[in-house]
N, C-alpha and C. Protein backbone atom coordinates (compact mmCIF):
# COMPACT_ATOMS: atom_id res chain seq x y z
N MET A 1 95.06 -43.21 204.20
CA MET A 1 96.05 -42.98 203.28
C MET A 1 96.64 -42.08 203.01
N GLU A 2 97.17 -41.83 202.43
CA GLU A 2 98.05 -40.53 201.64
C GLU A 2 97.79 -39.81 201.20
N CYS A 3 97.36 -38.75 200.58
CA CYS A 3 96.47 -38.30 199.37
C CYS A 3 97.81 -37.38 198.24
N LYS A 4 98.13 -37.44 197.89
CA LYS A 4 99.21 -36.34 197.28
C LYS A 4 98.82 -36.45 196.53
N VAL A 5 99.31 -34.57 195.99
CA VAL A 5 98.51 -34.08 194.31
C VAL A 5 100.58 -33.84 194.49
N HIS A 6 99.47 -33.78 193.52
CA HIS A 6 100.95 -33.59 191.78
C HIS A 6 100.69 -32.36 191.07
N TYR A 7 101.50 -30.93 191.31
CA TYR A 7 101.45 -30.59 189.93
C TYR A 7 102.05 -30.29 188.71
N VAL A 8 101.52 -30.12 187.76
CA VAL A 8 102.48 -30.70 186.65
C VAL A 8 102.62 -28.89 186.07
N ARG A 9 103.24 -28.33 185.23
CA ARG A 9 103.51 -27.05 184.80
C ARG A 9 103.14 -27.47 183.19
N LYS A 10 102.62 -26.33 182.93
CA LYS A 10 101.68 -27.00 181.42
C LYS A 10 103.26 -26.28 180.14
N LYS A 11 103.34 -26.94 179.46
CA LYS A 11 104.33 -27.09 178.34
C LYS A 11 103.69 -26.31 177.26
N TRP A 12 102.36 -26.23 177.07
CA TRP A 12 101.91 -25.53 175.86
C TRP A 12 100.87 -25.00 176.70
N LEU A 13 100.85 -23.24 175.93
CA LEU A 13 99.73 -22.21 176.61
C LEU A 13 99.33 -21.63 175.02
N ASP A 14 97.93 -21.42 174.92
CA ASP A 14 97.31 -20.72 173.94
C ASP A 14 97.67 -19.16 173.77
N GLU A 15 96.73 -17.84 172.48
CA GLU A 15 97.38 -17.00 172.63
C GLU A 15 96.77 -16.40 173.75
N LYS A 16 95.80 -16.59 174.27
CA LYS A 16 95.39 -15.41 175.58
C LYS A 16 96.52 -16.10 176.66
N GLN A 17 96.43 -17.39 176.85
CA GLN A 17 96.99 -17.31 178.15
C GLN A 17 98.38 -17.19 178.39
N ALA A 18 98.88 -17.18 177.00
CA ALA A 18 100.22 -17.10 176.46
C ALA A 18 100.74 -14.72 176.95
N ALA A 19 99.56 -14.79 176.22
CA ALA A 19 98.89 -12.76 176.61
C ALA A 19 99.50 -12.65 177.58
N THR A 20 98.31 -13.51 178.68
CA THR A 20 98.27 -13.07 180.49
C THR A 20 99.85 -13.50 181.17
N TYR A 21 100.36 -14.72 179.86
CA TYR A 21 101.36 -14.81 181.33
C TYR A 21 102.32 -14.32 180.89
N THR A 22 102.98 -13.74 180.21
CA THR A 22 103.80 -12.78 179.42
C THR A 22 103.62 -11.35 179.77
N SER A 23 102.08 -11.15 179.90
CA SER A 23 101.47 -9.34 180.41
C SER A 23 102.00 -8.11 178.82
N LEU A 24 101.86 -9.16 178.00
CA LEU A 24 101.89 -8.90 176.31
C LEU A 24 100.47 -8.72 175.79
N SER A 25 100.31 -7.86 174.95
CA SER A 25 98.84 -8.28 174.05
C SER A 25 98.74 -9.42 172.85
N LYS A 26 98.04 -9.73 173.52
CA LYS A 26 97.94 -10.68 171.52
C LYS A 26 98.70 -9.47 170.33
N ARG A 27 97.70 -8.67 170.23
CA ARG A 27 98.24 -8.52 168.68
C ARG A 27 100.33 -8.25 169.22
N LYS A 28 100.42 -7.71 170.76
CA LYS A 28 102.08 -8.12 170.08
C LYS A 28 102.69 -9.26 170.25
N LEU A 29 102.30 -10.26 170.72
CA LEU A 29 102.84 -11.34 169.86
C LEU A 29 102.67 -12.17 168.98
N PHE A 30 101.39 -11.11 168.49
CA PHE A 30 101.32 -11.64 166.86
C PHE A 30 102.28 -10.43 166.13
N ASP A 31 102.49 -10.19 166.84
CA ASP A 31 103.41 -9.03 165.70
C ASP A 31 104.86 -10.38 166.20
N LEU A 32 105.56 -10.21 167.11
CA LEU A 32 106.38 -11.25 167.25
C LEU A 32 106.60 -12.35 166.12
N ARG A 33 104.89 -13.29 166.14
CA ARG A 33 105.14 -14.23 165.39
C ARG A 33 106.04 -13.61 164.09
N MET A 34 105.45 -12.71 163.46
CA MET A 34 104.78 -12.54 161.87
C MET A 34 106.82 -11.60 161.70
N SER A 35 107.45 -11.48 162.78
CA SER A 35 108.83 -10.89 162.42
C SER A 35 109.77 -11.66 162.25
N GLY A 36 109.24 -12.78 162.96
CA GLY A 36 110.39 -13.99 163.27
C GLY A 36 111.45 -14.11 164.46
N ARG A 37 110.88 -13.31 165.67
CA ARG A 37 111.43 -13.34 166.41
C ARG A 37 110.87 -13.91 167.79
N LEU A 38 109.70 -14.53 167.42
CA LEU A 38 108.83 -15.38 168.34
C LEU A 38 108.76 -16.93 168.27
N SER A 39 109.38 -18.00 167.86
CA SER A 39 108.50 -19.33 167.50
C SER A 39 107.72 -19.31 168.11
N TYR A 40 106.10 -20.39 167.25
CA TYR A 40 105.14 -21.11 167.97
C TYR A 40 104.95 -22.39 167.30
N SER A 41 104.50 -23.09 167.17
CA SER A 41 103.32 -23.86 167.09
C SER A 41 102.01 -23.39 166.58
N LYS A 42 101.59 -24.76 165.42
CA LYS A 42 100.07 -24.08 165.22
C LYS A 42 99.18 -26.09 164.79
N VAL A 43 98.36 -26.19 165.59
CA VAL A 43 97.84 -26.55 165.38
C VAL A 43 96.36 -27.45 165.03
N ASP A 44 96.24 -27.39 164.04
CA ASP A 44 94.75 -27.23 163.65
C ASP A 44 93.95 -25.69 163.97
N GLY A 45 94.77 -24.76 163.10
CA GLY A 45 94.58 -23.81 163.24
C GLY A 45 95.10 -22.60 164.56
N LYS A 46 95.27 -23.56 165.32
CA LYS A 46 95.51 -22.87 166.28
C LYS A 46 96.96 -23.06 167.65
N ILE A 47 97.16 -21.38 167.40
CA ILE A 47 98.53 -21.51 167.84
C ILE A 47 98.87 -21.10 169.69
N LEU A 48 100.27 -21.94 169.88
CA LEU A 48 101.11 -22.72 170.72
C LEU A 48 101.83 -21.79 170.54
N TYR A 49 102.52 -21.78 172.00
CA TYR A 49 104.06 -21.42 172.44
C TYR A 49 103.50 -21.97 173.54
N ASP A 50 104.92 -22.33 173.10
CA ASP A 50 106.33 -22.94 174.35
C ASP A 50 105.94 -22.20 175.31
N ILE A 51 105.92 -23.02 176.36
CA ILE A 51 106.16 -21.98 177.59
C ILE A 51 107.63 -21.73 178.13
N ASP A 52 109.01 -22.36 177.45
CA ASP A 52 110.25 -22.50 177.50
C ASP A 52 110.36 -21.13 176.55
N ILE A 53 109.81 -21.31 175.99
CA ILE A 53 110.87 -20.16 174.70
C ILE A 53 109.90 -18.97 175.03
N LEU A 54 108.61 -18.84 175.80
CA LEU A 54 108.39 -17.78 176.16
C LEU A 54 109.63 -17.22 176.79
N ASP A 55 109.65 -17.58 178.59
CA ASP A 55 110.41 -17.73 179.24
C ASP A 55 112.20 -16.78 179.07
N ASN A 56 111.81 -17.98 177.69
CA ASN A 56 113.60 -17.54 176.99
C ASN A 56 113.79 -16.12 176.38
N PHE A 57 112.56 -15.68 176.38
CA PHE A 57 112.24 -14.60 174.67
C PHE A 57 111.66 -13.63 176.31
N VAL A 58 111.68 -12.57 177.25
CA VAL A 58 110.84 -12.26 177.99
C VAL A 58 113.20 -12.38 178.60
N GLU A 59 112.99 -13.14 179.45
CA GLU A 59 114.83 -13.18 179.53
C GLU A 59 115.94 -12.32 179.43
N ASN A 60 115.43 -12.71 177.20
CA ASN A 60 116.65 -12.69 176.91
C ASN A 60 116.11 -10.65 176.54
N ASN A 61 114.80 -10.44 176.91
CA ASN A 61 115.49 -9.18 176.64
C ASN A 61 115.05 -8.46 177.62
N ARG A 62 115.77 -8.68 178.66
CA ARG A 62 115.86 -8.19 179.54
C ARG A 62 116.80 -6.56 179.84
N VAL A 63 116.17 -6.09 180.48
CA VAL A 63 117.11 -4.37 181.03
C VAL A 63 117.83 -4.32 181.64
N ILE A 64 119.57 -4.27 181.90
CA ILE A 64 119.66 -3.88 183.04
C ILE A 64 119.91 -2.81 183.23
């Protein structure tokens, strides 16, 4: 019997996970939210970030 493990990439990250993922502080993420530069969702008072939005944000702010 063969056992396969499938890894699923998370779609949503909470504030702590998003800060770790982007190497930004939670305060910086807050400032970006408040300025309208970074979109987010709020469910039952919990802030959630779409991982694709975070990837795009970091990529679009690349300095060449």
